Structure formats: C-alpha cells, structure tokens
Amino acid sequence: MWRVLGFLVLAIAVDAAPASAAEWDSRHGQCYDWEGRWDVREEQPGLWVGFADFVHIDSRCGRGSHAAVRYDVRVAIIGEDLFVYRTAGPSLCFAHGRFRPEGMNGYEPCSGSPGPNPFAMRLPFGESK
C-alpha cells in the first residue's frame, strides 16, 4: 500500500509542476492585416498548445474591421521549422515557417481562403529552438 501511495504522491507532484508558458505575437494575411496574440504553454519539449486571439487591423490595404476571433492552436517546433494547426469553428489553418536571423516567416493555407497567406511571428528569445 505504501508503494502505491508513494507513487500517487509522486504522480501528483509531477502533474502539478508548472508548465512553461509564453506569449507570442504574429501578423497574418496578404497585407499583414490580422494581428495575433498567442497564449501558449509547452505541453512537452517542442509541443505548444493554447489559443491565439486575432484582430483585423488597419493596414496598407485599408481600414481593418476590428473583428476578433479566437483560435485553438497546436504548435510543433522542430529544429529550424515551426508547424501550426489552428482552428476556430469551421475555420481550419495549417502553417509552416522557418526561423531566420531576422525572425520567423512562413505561409498558411486556411479553409475558405483563395490561397496560402503569409505570416510573420515573433517568439521571445530562447523559445525558438
């Protein structure tokens, strides 16, 4: 019985360990007119989960509607590559980007979109790899 109790105490202590959390910023769309704020936690090394809030902002293409949408997100960081799966209701996006010295850039095809949209993302130093 003491072995079982000891195992349960250890399991609870490991489960209660704080997960690494982060906030990231991004811009999406042909005119970079969707601003994203990501609130994610590292579920396991290289795998982040959480949500991203997007707002349609003013850009070189015109005035933004200031519409807001929240996406559930899953992010995998493998070496120099970032892979994203994000979903909100019927909208589904997959993204791939590469880390470069000036930041992280990539493209994401989304359901209902005529083609892949560019995006740029900024992660705090030390979280990229």
Protein backbone atom coordinates (compact mmCIF):
# COMPACT_ATOMS: atom_id res chain seq x y z
CA MET A 1 0.00 0.00 0.00
CA TRP A 2 2.81 2.47 0.83
CA ARG A 3 4.33 1.91 -2.63
CA VAL A 4 1.03 2.78 -4.25
CA LEU A 5 0.60 5.83 -2.02
CA GLY A 6 4.19 6.95 -2.77
CA PHE A 7 3.56 6.56 -6.50
CA LEU A 8 0.37 8.64 -6.27
CA VAL A 9 2.14 11.44 -4.37
CA LEU A 10 4.92 11.45 -6.99
CA ALA A 11 2.40 11.47 -9.85
CA ILE A 12 0.54 14.42 -8.31
CA ALA A 13 3.79 16.34 -7.74
CA VAL A 14 4.91 15.78 -11.35
CA ASP A 15 1.48 16.72 -12.70
CA ALA A 16 1.44 19.88 -10.55
CA ALA A 17 4.81 21.06 -11.90
CA PRO A 18 4.28 24.36 -13.70
CA ALA A 19 4.30 24.11 -17.47
CA SER A 20 6.35 26.61 -19.42
CA ALA A 21 4.04 29.37 -20.67
CA ALA A 22 4.64 32.02 -23.32
CA GLU A 23 3.04 34.88 -25.19
CA TRP A 24 3.86 35.30 -28.88
CA ASP A 25 2.95 37.97 -31.45
CA SER A 26 2.14 37.44 -35.13
CA ARG A 27 0.83 39.13 -38.26
CA HIS A 28 -1.11 37.25 -40.96
CA GLY A 29 -2.72 37.90 -44.33
CA GLN A 30 -1.71 39.31 -47.70
CA CYS A 31 -1.49 42.77 -46.10
CA TYR A 32 -0.47 41.52 -42.66
CA ASP A 33 -3.80 42.91 -41.51
CA TRP A 34 -4.55 40.24 -38.91
CA GLU A 35 -2.69 40.75 -35.64
CA GLY A 36 -2.34 37.71 -33.41
CA ARG A 37 -1.57 37.39 -29.70
CA TRP A 38 -0.75 33.83 -28.73
CA ASP A 39 -1.08 32.45 -25.20
CA VAL A 40 0.51 29.00 -25.20
CA ARG A 41 2.14 26.56 -22.82
CA GLU A 42 4.73 23.94 -23.57
CA GLU A 43 2.95 20.61 -23.18
CA GLN A 44 6.15 18.67 -23.84
CA PRO A 45 9.50 19.67 -25.34
CA GLY A 46 8.81 21.32 -28.70
CA LEU A 47 5.00 20.98 -28.50
CA TRP A 48 2.98 24.06 -27.50
CA VAL A 49 -0.81 24.28 -27.02
CA GLY A 50 -3.17 27.10 -26.19
CA PHE A 51 -5.08 29.79 -28.03
CA ALA A 52 -4.45 32.77 -30.27
CA ASP A 53 -6.61 35.90 -30.40
CA PHE A 54 -6.70 37.65 -33.77
CA VAL A 55 -7.91 41.16 -34.58
CA HIS A 56 -8.38 42.61 -38.07
CA ILE A 57 -6.33 45.84 -38.01
CA ASP A 58 -5.67 48.78 -40.33
CA SER A 59 -3.05 48.09 -42.99
CA ARG A 60 -1.71 49.36 -46.31
CA CYS A 61 -4.72 47.64 -47.91
CA GLY A 62 -7.29 49.64 -45.96
CA ARG A 63 -9.06 50.06 -42.69
CA GLY A 64 -9.48 46.99 -40.54
CA SER A 65 -12.89 45.87 -39.35
CA HIS A 66 -11.50 45.25 -35.84
CA ALA A 67 -13.31 41.90 -35.92
CA ALA A 68 -11.88 39.46 -33.39
CA VAL A 69 -11.61 35.68 -33.46
CA ARG A 70 -10.04 33.17 -31.07
CA TYR A 71 -8.31 30.05 -32.38
CA ASP A 72 -7.30 26.92 -30.53
CA VAL A 73 -3.69 26.26 -31.52
CA ARG A 74 -1.14 23.46 -31.51
CA VAL A 75 2.44 24.29 -32.41
CA ALA A 76 5.39 21.98 -33.03
CA ILE A 77 8.91 23.41 -33.15
CA ILE A 78 11.40 21.03 -34.72
CA GLY A 79 14.88 22.41 -35.34
CA GLU A 80 14.51 25.50 -37.56
CA ASP A 81 10.90 24.67 -38.50
CA LEU A 82 7.61 25.71 -36.93
CA PHE A 83 4.36 23.86 -37.72
CA VAL A 84 0.98 25.23 -36.63
CA TYR A 85 -2.52 23.80 -36.57
CA ARG A 86 -5.21 26.30 -35.59
CA THR A 87 -8.96 26.03 -35.61
CA ALA A 88 -11.99 28.16 -34.74
CA GLY A 89 -15.43 26.82 -35.63
CA PRO A 90 -15.41 25.86 -39.30
CA SER A 91 -12.12 27.66 -40.00
CA LEU A 92 -9.00 25.49 -40.13
CA CYS A 93 -5.43 26.59 -40.88
CA PHE A 94 -2.12 24.80 -41.20
CA ALA A 95 1.10 26.79 -41.22
CA HIS A 96 4.77 26.19 -41.76
CA GLY A 97 7.52 28.67 -41.09
CA ARG A 98 11.29 28.74 -40.72
CA PHE A 99 13.34 30.61 -38.18
CA ARG A 100 15.70 33.14 -39.73
CA PRO A 101 18.04 35.67 -38.10
CA GLU A 102 15.51 38.49 -38.72
CA GLY A 103 12.55 36.49 -37.36
CA MET A 104 10.22 33.69 -38.35
CA ASN A 105 8.25 33.77 -41.62
CA GLY A 106 6.05 31.32 -43.45
CA TYR A 107 2.79 30.59 -45.22
CA GLU A 108 -0.51 29.13 -44.10
CA PRO A 109 -3.34 27.75 -46.18
CA CYS A 110 -6.72 28.16 -44.46
CA SER A 111 -10.10 26.70 -45.29
CA GLY A 112 -12.20 29.20 -47.23
CA SER A 113 -9.15 31.23 -48.30
CA PRO A 114 -8.24 31.52 -52.01
CA GLY A 115 -4.60 30.65 -51.36
CA PRO A 116 -1.91 30.46 -48.72
CA ASN A 117 -1.37 33.65 -46.75
CA PRO A 118 1.99 34.86 -45.49
CA PHE A 119 2.63 35.29 -41.80
CA ALA A 120 5.41 36.55 -39.57
CA MET A 121 5.84 35.61 -35.95
CA ARG A 122 7.92 36.82 -33.05
CA LEU A 123 8.81 34.48 -30.20
CA PRO A 124 10.76 35.61 -27.15
CA PHE A 125 14.46 34.80 -27.29
CA GLY A 126 15.20 31.24 -26.24
CA GLU A 127 11.82 29.76 -27.21
CA SER A 128 12.58 29.27 -30.87
CA LYS A 129 14.57 26.07 -30.50
